[in-house]
Amino acid sequence: MDILLARQVASFVGALLILIAYVGHQLRWMDARKAAYNVLNAIGSLILAYIAFHPFQVGFVMLEVAWVLISLYALLRPWTSL
């Protein structure tokens, strides 16, 4: 597979994961406090952050890295309050 096509497919998958979480939350199929929502966001934004680093796009990198960190924090928060 061509590397440019692979990057396009990866970015599509990343965006799709985030959109699935967003639509699921908006339609009340998913709770934003549950793991599934945050896992979808973390994986999707991690993929997009990787894509944004090559070539480096500062605004896109900042958005996606922040999204990953916030999603991971939401996933780990239940264990930090024990």
PDB file of N, CA and C in Angstrom:
ATOM      1  N   MET A   1       0.850  -1.176   0.000  1.00  0.00           N
ATOM      2  CA  MET A   1       0.000   0.000   0.000  1.00  0.00           C
ATOM      3  C   MET A   1       0.897   1.241   0.000  1.00  0.00           C
ATOM      4  N   ASP A   2       0.542   2.185  -0.797  1.00  0.00           N
ATOM      5  CA  ASP A   2       1.259   3.445  -0.866  1.00  0.00           C
ATOM      6  C   ASP A   2       1.205   4.154   0.490  1.00  0.00           C
ATOM      7  N   ILE A   3       2.321   4.754   0.894  1.00  0.00           N
ATOM      8  CA  ILE A   3       2.397   5.405   2.215  1.00  0.00           C
ATOM      9  C   ILE A   3       1.401   6.560   2.333  1.00  0.00           C
ATOM     10  N   LEU A   4       1.176   7.303   1.260  1.00  0.00           N
ATOM     11  CA  LEU A   4       0.198   8.393   1.318  1.00  0.00           C
ATOM     12  C   LEU A   4      -1.221   7.855   1.494  1.00  0.00           C
ATOM     13  N   LEU A   5      -1.526   6.767   0.827  1.00  0.00           N
ATOM     14  CA  LEU A   5      -2.836   6.146   0.992  1.00  0.00           C
ATOM     15  C   LEU A   5      -2.995   5.605   2.411  1.00  0.00           C
ATOM     16  N   ALA A   6      -1.943   5.004   2.938  1.00  0.00           N
ATOM     17  CA  ALA A   6      -1.986   4.475   4.308  1.00  0.00           C
ATOM     18  C   ALA A   6      -2.237   5.604   5.301  1.00  0.00           C
ATOM     19  N   ARG A   7      -1.602   6.755   5.112  1.00  0.00           N
ATOM     20  CA  ARG A   7      -1.813   7.901   6.001  1.00  0.00           C
ATOM     21  C   ARG A   7      -3.257   8.411   5.901  1.00  0.00           C
ATOM     22  N   GLN A   8      -3.803   8.415   4.694  1.00  0.00           N
ATOM     23  CA  GLN A   8      -5.189   8.844   4.512  1.00  0.00           C
ATOM     24  C   GLN A   8      -6.159   7.888   5.202  1.00  0.00           C
ATOM     25  N   VAL A   9      -5.903   6.601   5.056  1.00  0.00           N
ATOM     26  CA  VAL A   9      -6.757   5.593   5.703  1.00  0.00           C
ATOM     27  C   VAL A   9      -6.655   5.734   7.226  1.00  0.00           C
ATOM     28  N   ALA A  10      -5.432   5.906   7.737  1.00  0.00           N
ATOM     29  CA  ALA A  10      -5.240   6.055   9.185  1.00  0.00           C
ATOM     30  C   ALA A  10      -5.957   7.295   9.696  1.00  0.00           C
ATOM     31  N   SER A  11      -5.838   8.419   8.979  1.00  0.00           N
ATOM     32  CA  SER A  11      -6.501   9.642   9.443  1.00  0.00           C
ATOM     33  C   SER A  11      -8.016   9.489   9.379  1.00  0.00           C
ATOM     34  N   PHE A  12      -8.517   8.776   8.382  1.00  0.00           N
ATOM     35  CA  PHE A  12      -9.952   8.514   8.294  1.00  0.00           C
ATOM     36  C   PHE A  12     -10.415   7.688   9.493  1.00  0.00           C
ATOM     37  N   VAL A  13      -9.670   6.644   9.825  1.00  0.00           N
ATOM     38  CA  VAL A  13     -10.023   5.783  10.966  1.00  0.00           C
ATOM     39  C   VAL A  13      -9.986   6.588  12.268  1.00  0.00           C
ATOM     40  N   GLY A  14      -8.951   7.402  12.463  1.00  0.00           N
ATOM     41  CA  GLY A  14      -8.858   8.236  13.663  1.00  0.00           C
ATOM     42  C   GLY A  14     -10.041   9.169  13.809  1.00  0.00           C
ATOM     43  N   ALA A  15     -10.368   9.858  12.709  1.00  0.00           N
ATOM     44  CA  ALA A  15     -11.512  10.778  12.741  1.00  0.00           C
ATOM     45  C   ALA A  15     -12.813  10.019  12.966  1.00  0.00           C
ATOM     46  N   LEU A  16     -12.940   8.858  12.348  1.00  0.00           N
ATOM     47  CA  LEU A  16     -14.152   8.061  12.507  1.00  0.00           C
ATOM     48  C   LEU A  16     -14.357   7.630  13.959  1.00  0.00           C
ATOM     49  N   LEU A  17     -13.289   7.231  14.641  1.00  0.00           N
ATOM     50  CA  LEU A  17     -13.403   6.826  16.044  1.00  0.00           C
ATOM     51  C   LEU A  17     -13.896   7.987  16.908  1.00  0.00           C
ATOM     52  N   ILE A  18     -13.334   9.173  16.684  1.00  0.00           N
ATOM     53  CA  ILE A  18     -13.764  10.351  17.450  1.00  0.00           C
ATOM     54  C   ILE A  18     -15.221  10.684  17.140  1.00  0.00           C
ATOM     55  N   LEU A  19     -15.587  10.613  15.880  1.00  0.00           N
ATOM     56  CA  LEU A  19     -16.967  10.916  15.496  1.00  0.00           C
ATOM     57  C   LEU A  19     -17.956   9.898  16.042  1.00  0.00           C
ATOM     58  N   ILE A  20     -17.574   8.638  16.088  1.00  0.00           N
ATOM     59  CA  ILE A  20     -18.450   7.617  16.677  1.00  0.00           C
ATOM     60  C   ILE A  20     -18.717   7.950  18.140  1.00  0.00           C
ATOM     61  N   ALA A  21     -17.669   8.323  18.869  1.00  0.00           N
ATOM     62  CA  ALA A  21     -17.845   8.702  20.277  1.00  0.00           C
ATOM     63  C   ALA A  21     -18.736   9.935  20.403  1.00  0.00           C
ATOM     64  N   TYR A  22     -18.501  10.921  19.559  1.00  0.00           N
ATOM     65  CA  TYR A  22     -19.274  12.170  19.625  1.00  0.00           C
ATOM     66  C   TYR A  22     -20.751  11.923  19.317  1.00  0.00           C
ATOM     67  N   VAL A  23     -21.020  11.219  18.235  1.00  0.00           N
ATOM     68  CA  VAL A  23     -22.407  10.924  17.866  1.00  0.00           C
ATOM     69  C   VAL A  23     -23.059  10.049  18.939  1.00  0.00           C
ATOM     70  N   GLY A  24     -22.326   9.059  19.423  1.00  0.00           N
ATOM     71  CA  GLY A  24     -22.863   8.209  20.486  1.00  0.00           C
ATOM     72  C   GLY A  24     -23.242   8.997  21.718  1.00  0.00           C
ATOM     73  N   HIS A  25     -22.430   9.964  22.062  1.00  0.00           N
ATOM     74  CA  HIS A  25     -22.736  10.808  23.223  1.00  0.00           C
ATOM     75  C   HIS A  25     -23.940  11.712  22.942  1.00  0.00           C
ATOM     76  N   GLN A  26     -23.964  12.342  21.775  1.00  0.00           N
ATOM     77  CA  GLN A  26     -25.056  13.249  21.440  1.00  0.00           C
ATOM     78  C   GLN A  26     -26.403  12.540  21.356  1.00  0.00           C
ATOM     79  N   LEU A  27     -26.392  11.296  20.892  1.00  0.00           N
ATOM     80  CA  LEU A  27     -27.633  10.528  20.786  1.00  0.00           C
ATOM     81  C   LEU A  27     -27.925   9.706  22.039  1.00  0.00           C
ATOM     82  N   ARG A  28     -27.114   9.929  23.072  1.00  0.00           N
ATOM     83  CA  ARG A  28     -27.275   9.265  24.370  1.00  0.00           C
ATOM     84  C   ARG A  28     -27.109   7.745  24.303  1.00  0.00           C
ATOM     85  N   TRP A  29     -26.288   7.287  23.351  1.00  0.00           N
ATOM     86  CA  TRP A  29     -25.934   5.870  23.294  1.00  0.00           C
ATOM     87  C   TRP A  29     -24.724   5.603  24.168  1.00  0.00           C
ATOM     88  N   MET A  30     -23.947   6.661  24.444  1.00  0.00           N
ATOM     89  CA  MET A  30     -22.717   6.536  25.229  1.00  0.00           C
ATOM     90  C   MET A  30     -22.696   7.587  26.313  1.00  0.00           C
ATOM     91  N   ASP A  31     -22.125   7.210  27.432  1.00  0.00           N
ATOM     92  CA  ASP A  31     -21.934   8.137  28.536  1.00  0.00           C
ATOM     93  C   ASP A  31     -20.483   8.616  28.484  1.00  0.00           C
ATOM     94  N   ALA A  32     -20.279   9.930  28.492  1.00  0.00           N
ATOM     95  CA  ALA A  32     -18.935  10.500  28.401  1.00  0.00           C
ATOM     96  C   ALA A  32     -18.071  10.143  29.604  1.00  0.00           C
ATOM     97  N   ARG A  33     -18.680   9.658  30.674  1.00  0.00           N
ATOM     98  CA  ARG A  33     -17.910   9.264  31.859  1.00  0.00           C
ATOM     99  C   ARG A  33     -17.487   7.804  31.818  1.00  0.00           C
ATOM    100  N   LYS A  34     -17.905   7.083  30.806  1.00  0.00           N
ATOM    101  CA  LYS A  34     -17.586   5.650  30.700  1.00  0.00           C
ATOM    102  C   LYS A  34     -16.347   5.431  29.841  1.00  0.00           C
ATOM    103  N   ALA A  35     -15.754   4.272  30.020  1.00  0.00           N
ATOM    104  CA  ALA A  35     -14.488   3.956  29.354  1.00  0.00           C
ATOM    105  C   ALA A  35     -14.602   3.928  27.831  1.00  0.00           C
ATOM    106  N   ALA A  36     -15.668   3.360  27.285  1.00  0.00           N
ATOM    107  CA  ALA A  36     -15.772   3.213  25.825  1.00  0.00           C
ATOM    108  C   ALA A  36     -15.643   4.556  25.114  1.00  0.00           C
ATOM    109  N   TYR A  37     -16.326   5.558  25.622  1.00  0.00           N
ATOM    110  CA  TYR A  37     -16.277   6.893  25.028  1.00  0.00           C
ATOM    111  C   TYR A  37     -14.849   7.441  25.036  1.00  0.00           C
ATOM    112  N   ASN A  38     -14.190   7.332  26.170  1.00  0.00           N
ATOM    113  CA  ASN A  38     -12.836   7.882  26.295  1.00  0.00           C
ATOM    114  C   ASN A  38     -11.788   7.059  25.556  1.00  0.00           C
ATOM    115  N   VAL A  39     -11.995   5.757  25.453  1.00  0.00           N
ATOM    116  CA  VAL A  39     -11.079   4.921  24.676  1.00  0.00           C
ATOM    117  C   VAL A  39     -11.168   5.297  23.201  1.00  0.00           C
ATOM    118  N   LEU A  40     -12.383   5.445  22.682  1.00  0.00           N
ATOM    119  CA  LEU A  40     -12.542   5.859  21.283  1.00  0.00           C
ATOM    120  C   LEU A  40     -11.865   7.201  21.032  1.00  0.00           C
ATOM    121  N   ASN A  41     -12.081   8.156  21.933  1.00  0.00           N
ATOM    122  CA  ASN A  41     -11.452   9.471  21.785  1.00  0.00           C
ATOM    123  C   ASN A  41      -9.930   9.383  21.869  1.00  0.00           C
ATOM    124  N   ALA A  42      -9.418   8.628  22.816  1.00  0.00           N
ATOM    125  CA  ALA A  42      -7.966   8.529  22.994  1.00  0.00           C
ATOM    126  C   ALA A  42      -7.295   7.879  21.786  1.00  0.00           C
ATOM    127  N   ILE A  43      -7.849   6.784  21.306  1.00  0.00           N
ATOM    128  CA  ILE A  43      -7.239   6.092  20.161  1.00  0.00           C
ATOM    129  C   ILE A  43      -7.364   6.939  18.897  1.00  0.00           C
ATOM    130  N   GLY A  44      -8.540   7.493  18.667  1.00  0.00           N
ATOM    131  CA  GLY A  44      -8.739   8.329  17.481  1.00  0.00           C
ATOM    132  C   GLY A  44      -7.821   9.531  17.466  1.00  0.00           C
ATOM    133  N   SER A  45      -7.710  10.216  18.584  1.00  0.00           N
ATOM    134  CA  SER A  45      -6.862  11.405  18.631  1.00  0.00           C
ATOM    135  C   SER A  45      -5.379  11.052  18.623  1.00  0.00           C
ATOM    136  N   LEU A  46      -5.015   9.895  19.158  1.00  0.00           N
ATOM    137  CA  LEU A  46      -3.623   9.449  19.086  1.00  0.00           C
ATOM    138  C   LEU A  46      -3.215   9.200  17.633  1.00  0.00           C
ATOM    139  N   ILE A  47      -4.083   8.573  16.872  1.00  0.00           N
ATOM    140  CA  ILE A  47      -3.824   8.356  15.444  1.00  0.00           C
ATOM    141  C   ILE A  47      -3.672   9.697  14.731  1.00  0.00           C
ATOM    142  N   LEU A  48      -4.604  10.608  14.976  1.00  0.00           N
ATOM    143  CA  LEU A  48      -4.545  11.913  14.309  1.00  0.00           C
ATOM    144  C   LEU A  48      -3.337  12.733  14.761  1.00  0.00           C
ATOM    145  N   ALA A  49      -2.942  12.605  16.020  1.00  0.00           N
ATOM    146  CA  ALA A  49      -1.745  13.312  16.498  1.00  0.00           C
ATOM    147  C   ALA A  49      -0.516  12.793  15.772  1.00  0.00           C
ATOM    148  N   TYR A  50      -0.423  11.480  15.601  1.00  0.00           N
ATOM    149  CA  TYR A  50       0.704  10.906  14.863  1.00  0.00           C
ATOM    150  C   TYR A  50       0.748  11.447  13.429  1.00  0.00           C
ATOM    151  N   ILE A  51      -0.404  11.478  12.787  1.00  0.00           N
ATOM    152  CA  ILE A  51      -0.487  11.993  11.416  1.00  0.00           C
ATOM    153  C   ILE A  51      -0.075  13.465  11.381  1.00  0.00           C
ATOM    154  N   ALA A  52      -0.453  14.244  12.387  1.00  0.00           N
ATOM    155  CA  ALA A  52      -0.158  15.683  12.416  1.00  0.00           C
ATOM    156  C   ALA A  52       1.328  15.978  12.595  1.00  0.00           C
ATOM    157  N   PHE A  53       2.077  15.037  13.141  1.00  0.00           N
ATOM    158  CA  PHE A  53       3.513  15.252  13.342  1.00  0.00           C
ATOM    159  C   PHE A  53       4.304  15.165  12.043  1.00  0.00           C
ATOM    160  N   HIS A  54       3.742  14.552  11.007  1.00  0.00           N
ATOM    161  CA  HIS A  54       4.472  14.335   9.749  1.00  0.00           C
ATOM    162  C   HIS A  54       3.641  14.764   8.566  1.00  0.00           C
ATOM    163  N   PRO A  55       3.704  15.952   8.032  1.00  0.00           N
ATOM    164  CA  PRO A  55       4.562  17.063   8.419  1.00  0.00           C
ATOM    165  C   PRO A  55       3.987  17.770   9.647  1.00  0.00           C
ATOM    166  N   PHE A  56       4.863  18.392  10.391  1.00  0.00           N
ATOM    167  CA  PHE A  56       4.488  19.025  11.658  1.00  0.00           C
ATOM    168  C   PHE A  56       3.507  20.171  11.419  1.00  0.00           C
ATOM    169  N   GLN A  57       2.336  20.078  12.039  1.00  0.00           N
ATOM    170  CA  GLN A  57       1.302  21.111  11.965  1.00  0.00           C
ATOM    171  C   GLN A  57       0.953  21.486  13.402  1.00  0.00           C
ATOM    172  N   VAL A  58       1.512  22.593  13.862  1.00  0.00           N
ATOM    173  CA  VAL A  58       1.488  22.931  15.289  1.00  0.00           C
ATOM    174  C   VAL A  58       0.081  22.982  15.881  1.00  0.00           C
ATOM    175  N   GLY A  59      -0.856  23.590  15.217  1.00  0.00           N
ATOM    176  CA  GLY A  59      -2.214  23.683  15.762  1.00  0.00           C
ATOM    177  C   GLY A  59      -2.884  22.332  15.859  1.00  0.00           C
ATOM    178  N   PHE A  60      -2.712  21.527  14.842  1.00  0.00           N
ATOM    179  CA  PHE A  60      -3.292  20.191  14.807  1.00  0.00           C
ATOM    180  C   PHE A  60      -2.639  19.297  15.851  1.00  0.00           C
ATOM    181  N   VAL A  61      -1.323  19.390  15.988  1.00  0.00           N
ATOM    182  CA  VAL A  61      -0.601  18.609  17.001  1.00  0.00           C
ATOM    183  C   VAL A  61      -1.077  18.993  18.398  1.00  0.00           C
ATOM    184  N   MET A  62      -1.170  20.297  18.666  1.00  0.00           N
ATOM    185  CA  MET A  62      -1.598  20.765  19.984  1.00  0.00           C
ATOM    186  C   MET A  62      -3.005  20.260  20.313  1.00  0.00           C
ATOM    187  N   LEU A  63      -3.921  20.365  19.363  1.00  0.00           N
ATOM    188  CA  LEU A  63      -5.293  19.906  19.583  1.00  0.00           C
ATOM    189  C   LEU A  63      -5.348  18.413  19.866  1.00  0.00           C
ATOM    190  N   GLU A  64      -4.690  17.628  19.047  1.00  0.00           N
ATOM    191  CA  GLU A  64      -4.778  16.180  19.188  1.00  0.00           C
ATOM    192  C   GLU A  64      -4.047  15.657  20.420  1.00  0.00           C
ATOM    193  N   VAL A  65      -2.897  16.231  20.744  1.00  0.00           N
ATOM    194  CA  VAL A  65      -2.171  15.811  21.949  1.00  0.00           C
ATOM    195  C   VAL A  65      -2.993  16.150  23.192  1.00  0.00           C
ATOM    196  N   ALA A  66      -3.592  17.344  23.208  1.00  0.00           N
ATOM    197  CA  ALA A  66      -4.452  17.718  24.340  1.00  0.00           C
ATOM    198  C   ALA A  66      -5.636  16.758  24.440  1.00  0.00           C
ATOM    199  N   TRP A  67      -6.215  16.392  23.315  1.00  0.00           N
ATOM    200  CA  TRP A  67      -7.361  15.486  23.294  1.00  0.00           C
ATOM    201  C   TRP A  67      -6.969  14.121  23.859  1.00  0.00           C
ATOM    202  N   VAL A  68      -5.794  13.626  23.476  1.00  0.00           N
ATOM    203  CA  VAL A  68      -5.304  12.345  24.005  1.00  0.00           C
ATOM    204  C   VAL A  68      -5.129  12.440  25.518  1.00  0.00           C
ATOM    205  N   LEU A  69      -4.462  13.487  25.985  1.00  0.00           N
ATOM    206  CA  LEU A  69      -4.187  13.621  27.423  1.00  0.00           C
ATOM    207  C   LEU A  69      -5.466  13.748  28.243  1.00  0.00           C
ATOM    208  N   ILE A  70      -6.420  14.514  27.750  1.00  0.00           N
ATOM    209  CA  ILE A  70      -7.687  14.671  28.463  1.00  0.00           C
ATOM    210  C   ILE A  70      -8.445  13.352  28.501  1.00  0.00           C
ATOM    211  N   SER A  71      -8.456  12.622  27.388  1.00  0.00           N
ATOM    212  CA  SER A  71      -9.139  11.323  27.345  1.00  0.00           C
ATOM    213  C   SER A  71      -8.480  10.315  28.281  1.00  0.00           C
ATOM    214  N   LEU A  72      -7.154  10.302  28.303  1.00  0.00           N
ATOM    215  CA  LEU A  72      -6.445   9.397  29.214  1.00  0.00           C
ATOM    216  C   LEU A  72      -6.699   9.775  30.671  1.00  0.00           C
ATOM    217  N   TYR A  73      -6.726  11.069  30.960  1.00  0.00           N
ATOM    218  CA  TYR A  73      -7.029  11.512  32.320  1.00  0.00           C
ATOM    219  C   TYR A  73      -8.426  11.029  32.734  1.00  0.00           C
ATOM    220  N   ALA A  74      -9.399  11.164  31.831  1.00  0.00           N
ATOM    221  CA  ALA A  74     -10.761  10.727  32.135  1.00  0.00           C
ATOM    222  C   ALA A  74     -10.813   9.216  32.353  1.00  0.00           C
ATOM    223  N   LEU A  75      -9.987   8.460  31.625  1.00  0.00           N
ATOM    224  CA  LEU A  75      -9.949   7.018  31.815  1.00  0.00           C
ATOM    225  C   LEU A  75      -9.306   6.628  33.147  1.00  0.00           C
ATOM    226  N   LEU A  76      -8.282   7.367  33.551  1.00  0.00           N
ATOM    227  CA  LEU A  76      -7.531   7.023  34.763  1.00  0.00           C
ATOM    228  C   LEU A  76      -8.112   7.653  36.024  1.00  0.00           C
ATOM    229  N   ARG A  77      -8.961   8.635  35.889  1.00  0.00           N
ATOM    230  CA  ARG A  77      -9.530   9.362  37.036  1.00  0.00           C
ATOM    231  C   ARG A  77     -10.189   8.460  38.075  1.00  0.00           C
ATOM    232  N   PRO A  78     -10.960   7.448  37.685  1.00  0.00           N
ATOM    233  CA  PRO A  78     -11.578   6.596  38.723  1.00  0.00           C
ATOM    234  C   PRO A  78     -10.557   5.922  39.629  1.00  0.00           C
ATOM    235  N   TRP A  79      -9.366   5.596  39.112  1.00  0.00           N
ATOM    236  CA  TRP A  79      -8.371   4.916  39.928  1.00  0.00           C
ATOM    237  C   TRP A  79      -7.582   5.895  40.794  1.00  0.00           C
ATOM    238  N   THR A  80      -7.540   7.158  40.445  1.00  0.00           N
ATOM    239  CA  THR A  80      -6.787   8.127  41.242  1.00  0.00           C
ATOM    240  C   THR A  80      -7.580   8.582  42.461  1.00  0.00           C
ATOM    241  N   SER A  81      -8.902   8.375  42.465  1.00  0.00           N
ATOM    242  CA  SER A  81      -9.709   8.826  43.605  1.00  0.00           C
ATOM    243  C   SER A  81      -9.920   7.737  44.647  1.00  0.00           C
ATOM    244  N   LEU A  82      -9.289   6.595  44.463  1.00  0.00           N
ATOM    245  CA  LEU A  82      -9.472   5.500  45.439  1.00  0.00           C
ATOM    246  C   LEU A  82      -8.675   5.729  46.697  1.00  0.00           C
TER     247      LEU A  82
END
